[in-house]
Amino acid sequence: MTYPETVTLAGALAALPDQPHRDTGKALSLIAQRLGLPRLPLNANDPLRVFLTHTRH
C-alpha cells in the first residue's frame, strides 16, 4: 500500500534546491507549499525537521 502523502513528501524532498546552507524553516515552507498546506506544525524533535537540519547544513 502506498500513501499519496508519502509519495508527495518524497517528491518534495527530492525537489528541494541543492543549497548547502538552506534555512530549515524555508525548506519546511517549500514542502508545506508542495503538499498544499499553509505550514507544517513540527516540533524541534520531529524526524523531518531533524533530517533537514542534519542533511541540509
N, C-alpha and C. Protein backbone atom coordinates (compact mmCIF):
# COMPACT_ATOMS: atom_id res chain seq x y z
N MET A 1 0.85 -1.16 0.00
CA MET A 1 0.00 0.00 0.00
C MET A 1 0.90 1.24 0.00
N THR A 2 0.59 2.17 -0.83
CA THR A 2 1.32 3.43 -0.91
C THR A 2 0.38 4.56 -0.51
N TYR A 3 0.85 5.41 0.37
CA TYR A 3 0.07 6.57 0.78
C TYR A 3 0.45 7.74 -0.12
N PRO A 4 -0.54 8.40 -0.73
CA PRO A 4 -0.23 9.51 -1.64
C PRO A 4 0.57 10.62 -0.97
N GLU A 5 0.32 10.88 0.31
CA GLU A 5 1.05 11.93 1.02
C GLU A 5 2.54 11.59 1.12
N THR A 6 2.84 10.31 1.27
CA THR A 6 4.23 9.88 1.37
C THR A 6 4.95 10.09 0.04
N VAL A 7 4.27 9.78 -1.03
CA VAL A 7 4.85 9.97 -2.36
C VAL A 7 5.08 11.45 -2.62
N THR A 8 4.12 12.28 -2.27
CA THR A 8 4.25 13.72 -2.46
C THR A 8 5.38 14.29 -1.60
N LEU A 9 5.48 13.83 -0.35
CA LEU A 9 6.56 14.28 0.52
C LEU A 9 7.91 13.88 -0.04
N ALA A 10 8.05 12.65 -0.51
CA ALA A 10 9.31 12.20 -1.10
C ALA A 10 9.67 13.06 -2.31
N GLY A 11 8.70 13.35 -3.14
CA GLY A 11 8.94 14.21 -4.30
C GLY A 11 9.35 15.61 -3.90
N ALA A 12 8.72 16.14 -2.84
CA ALA A 12 9.07 17.49 -2.37
C ALA A 12 10.49 17.51 -1.82
N LEU A 13 10.89 16.48 -1.09
CA LEU A 13 12.25 16.42 -0.56
C LEU A 13 13.27 16.31 -1.69
N ALA A 14 12.94 15.51 -2.68
CA ALA A 14 13.86 15.34 -3.81
C ALA A 14 13.97 16.61 -4.65
N ALA A 15 12.93 17.42 -4.66
CA ALA A 15 12.92 18.62 -5.50
C ALA A 15 13.47 19.87 -4.80
N LEU A 16 13.86 19.74 -3.52
CA LEU A 16 14.43 20.91 -2.84
C LEU A 16 15.70 21.34 -3.56
N PRO A 17 15.85 22.63 -3.78
CA PRO A 17 17.08 23.11 -4.40
C PRO A 17 18.30 22.72 -3.56
N ASP A 18 19.37 22.38 -4.21
CA ASP A 18 20.57 21.96 -3.52
C ASP A 18 21.37 23.18 -3.08
N GLN A 19 21.04 23.66 -1.91
CA GLN A 19 21.73 24.81 -1.32
C GLN A 19 22.27 24.36 0.03
N PRO A 20 23.58 24.27 0.18
CA PRO A 20 24.16 23.69 1.38
C PRO A 20 23.80 24.41 2.68
N HIS A 21 23.50 25.68 2.64
CA HIS A 21 23.19 26.41 3.87
C HIS A 21 21.73 26.83 3.92
N ARG A 22 20.88 25.99 3.37
CA ARG A 22 19.44 26.29 3.34
C ARG A 22 18.91 26.38 4.77
N ASP A 23 18.07 27.35 4.98
CA ASP A 23 17.38 27.50 6.25
C ASP A 23 16.33 26.40 6.37
N THR A 24 16.32 25.69 7.49
CA THR A 24 15.38 24.58 7.69
C THR A 24 13.95 25.06 7.60
N GLY A 25 13.67 26.23 8.18
CA GLY A 25 12.31 26.77 8.12
C GLY A 25 11.85 27.04 6.70
N LYS A 26 12.76 27.54 5.87
CA LYS A 26 12.41 27.81 4.47
C LYS A 26 12.14 26.50 3.73
N ALA A 27 12.94 25.48 4.01
CA ALA A 27 12.73 24.17 3.38
C ALA A 27 11.38 23.61 3.80
N LEU A 28 11.02 23.74 5.07
CA LEU A 28 9.72 23.25 5.54
C LEU A 28 8.58 24.03 4.89
N SER A 29 8.78 25.31 4.67
CA SER A 29 7.75 26.11 3.98
C SER A 29 7.56 25.63 2.54
N LEU A 30 8.66 25.34 1.86
CA LEU A 30 8.57 24.83 0.49
C LEU A 30 7.85 23.49 0.44
N ILE A 31 8.15 22.62 1.41
CA ILE A 31 7.49 21.32 1.47
C ILE A 31 6.00 21.49 1.75
N ALA A 32 5.65 22.35 2.70
CA ALA A 32 4.24 22.59 3.02
C ALA A 32 3.50 23.10 1.79
N GLN A 33 4.13 24.02 1.06
CA GLN A 33 3.52 24.55 -0.15
C GLN A 33 3.28 23.43 -1.16
N ARG A 34 4.25 22.56 -1.33
CA ARG A 34 4.14 21.44 -2.27
C ARG A 34 3.02 20.48 -1.86
N LEU A 35 2.82 20.32 -0.54
CA LEU A 35 1.77 19.45 -0.03
C LEU A 35 0.40 20.13 0.01
N GLY A 36 0.38 21.43 -0.31
CA GLY A 36 -0.88 22.17 -0.30
C GLY A 36 -1.33 22.54 1.10
N LEU A 37 -0.38 22.69 2.02
CA LEU A 37 -0.69 23.05 3.40
C LEU A 37 -0.19 24.46 3.69
N PRO A 38 -0.84 25.18 4.61
CA PRO A 38 -0.35 26.52 4.94
C PRO A 38 1.00 26.48 5.65
N ARG A 39 1.24 25.44 6.45
CA ARG A 39 2.52 25.26 7.14
C ARG A 39 2.58 23.84 7.68
N LEU A 40 3.77 23.44 8.11
CA LEU A 40 3.96 22.15 8.76
C LEU A 40 4.23 22.41 10.24
N PRO A 41 3.28 22.10 11.11
CA PRO A 41 3.46 22.36 12.54
C PRO A 41 4.31 21.27 13.19
N LEU A 42 5.63 21.39 13.08
CA LEU A 42 6.53 20.38 13.60
C LEU A 42 7.25 20.88 14.85
N ASN A 43 7.47 19.97 15.80
CA ASN A 43 8.25 20.36 16.97
C ASN A 43 9.74 20.17 16.68
N ALA A 44 10.59 20.56 17.59
CA ALA A 44 12.04 20.53 17.38
C ALA A 44 12.59 19.12 17.18
N ASN A 45 11.91 18.11 17.70
CA ASN A 45 12.39 16.74 17.59
C ASN A 45 11.71 15.94 16.49
N ASP A 46 10.92 16.59 15.66
CA ASP A 46 10.23 15.90 14.58
C ASP A 46 11.25 15.31 13.62
N PRO A 47 11.08 14.07 13.18
CA PRO A 47 12.07 13.43 12.30
C PRO A 47 12.34 14.21 11.01
N LEU A 48 11.33 14.83 10.43
CA LEU A 48 11.55 15.60 9.20
C LEU A 48 12.43 16.82 9.48
N ARG A 49 12.17 17.53 10.56
CA ARG A 49 12.99 18.69 10.92
C ARG A 49 14.43 18.26 11.22
N VAL A 50 14.59 17.18 11.95
CA VAL A 50 15.93 16.68 12.27
C VAL A 50 16.66 16.29 11.00
N PHE A 51 15.98 15.61 10.09
CA PHE A 51 16.59 15.21 8.82
C PHE A 51 17.07 16.43 8.04
N LEU A 52 16.19 17.42 7.92
CA LEU A 52 16.56 18.61 7.16
C LEU A 52 17.70 19.38 7.82
N THR A 53 17.68 19.44 9.12
CA THR A 53 18.73 20.15 9.85
C THR A 53 20.09 19.48 9.66
N HIS A 54 20.12 18.16 9.70
CA HIS A 54 21.39 17.46 9.63
C HIS A 54 21.88 17.18 8.22
N THR A 55 21.00 17.23 7.24
CA THR A 55 21.43 16.92 5.88
C THR A 55 21.54 18.15 4.99
N ARG A 56 20.98 19.25 5.37
CA ARG A 56 20.95 20.43 4.51
C ARG A 56 21.94 21.50 4.94
N HIS A 57 22.59 21.35 6.08
CA HIS A 57 23.52 22.38 6.56
C HIS A 57 24.93 21.91 6.43
